[in-house]
Amino acid sequence: MATFTGTIQHNDLEGGFLELKTDSGDVYRLEGASPAPGARVRVEGEVSHGGFGIHMSGPSLKVTRVQAVDG
């Protein structure tokens, strides 16, 4: 299980999806959560570096918990 803090952003590529841009600059495609774009959050989940998907983005993050954090 991994924990990241960052900002949610919407990516319009391939029909659109949500990403987490972490404070360290890494980007993860979110699976299993739909926080509002622009929200500052702490996300817990499992990173999947392998696999194949229609979204041409960074690794996916299978979310188990999302918590809002102060800006």
Protein backbone atom coordinates (compact mmCIF):
# COMPACT_ATOMS: atom_id res chain seq x y z
CA MET A 1 0.00 0.00 0.00
CA ALA A 2 1.29 3.46 -0.91
CA THR A 3 0.26 6.93 0.27
CA PHE A 4 0.57 10.10 -1.82
CA THR A 5 -0.40 13.73 -1.29
CA GLY A 6 -1.16 16.02 -4.20
CA THR A 7 -3.76 17.69 -6.39
CA ILE A 8 -6.47 16.06 -8.49
CA GLN A 9 -6.52 17.04 -12.15
CA HIS A 10 -8.75 16.07 -15.07
CA ASN A 11 -7.03 14.77 -18.21
CA ASP A 12 -9.13 15.11 -21.41
CA LEU A 13 -7.19 12.39 -23.26
CA GLU A 14 -9.17 9.34 -24.46
CA GLY A 15 -12.55 10.51 -23.15
CA GLY A 16 -11.21 11.95 -19.91
CA PHE A 17 -10.05 10.58 -16.58
CA LEU A 18 -8.76 11.78 -13.21
CA GLU A 19 -5.12 11.91 -12.21
CA LEU A 20 -3.27 12.67 -9.01
CA LYS A 21 -0.30 15.00 -9.45
CA THR A 22 1.77 14.42 -6.34
CA ASP A 23 3.70 17.09 -4.47
CA SER A 24 6.90 15.49 -5.80
CA GLY A 25 5.68 15.83 -9.42
CA ASP A 26 4.70 12.21 -10.16
CA VAL A 27 1.38 11.58 -11.91
CA TYR A 28 -0.93 8.61 -11.29
CA ARG A 29 -4.16 7.70 -13.09
CA LEU A 30 -6.86 7.12 -10.45
CA GLU A 31 -8.98 3.98 -10.36
CA GLY A 32 -11.87 3.59 -7.94
CA ALA A 33 -12.27 7.19 -6.76
CA SER A 34 -13.73 10.40 -8.14
CA PRO A 35 -12.57 13.40 -6.10
CA ALA A 36 -13.23 16.81 -7.64
CA PRO A 37 -10.55 18.25 -9.95
CA GLY A 38 -8.47 20.83 -8.09
CA ALA A 39 -8.91 19.14 -4.71
CA ARG A 40 -5.86 18.67 -2.47
CA VAL A 41 -5.95 15.12 -1.18
CA ARG A 42 -4.04 12.31 0.49
CA VAL A 43 -4.63 9.07 -1.40
CA GLU A 44 -3.88 5.53 -0.29
CA GLY A 45 -3.82 2.66 -2.74
CA GLU A 46 -1.85 0.18 -4.77
CA VAL A 47 0.31 1.31 -7.70
CA SER A 48 0.11 -0.80 -10.85
CA HIS A 49 3.07 -0.20 -13.19
CA GLY A 50 2.21 -3.00 -15.59
CA GLY A 51 -0.87 -3.80 -17.58
CA PHE A 52 -2.48 -2.21 -20.56
CA GLY A 53 -5.21 0.39 -20.73
CA ILE A 54 -6.76 2.88 -23.13
CA HIS A 55 -5.43 5.89 -21.22
CA MET A 56 -1.95 6.97 -22.25
CA SER A 57 -0.90 8.21 -18.86
CA GLY A 58 1.34 7.27 -15.96
CA PRO A 59 0.90 4.22 -13.77
CA SER A 60 -2.53 3.60 -12.28
CA LEU A 61 -3.33 3.93 -8.60
CA LYS A 62 -6.08 1.61 -7.34
CA VAL A 63 -7.51 3.81 -4.61
CA THR A 64 -8.58 2.43 -1.25
CA ARG A 65 -8.91 5.75 0.61
CA VAL A 66 -9.09 9.47 -0.21
CA GLN A 67 -8.82 12.19 2.41
CA ALA A 68 -9.02 15.95 1.86
CA VAL A 69 -6.03 17.95 3.10
CA ASP A 70 -5.53 21.67 3.66
CA GLY A 71 -3.98 23.53 0.79
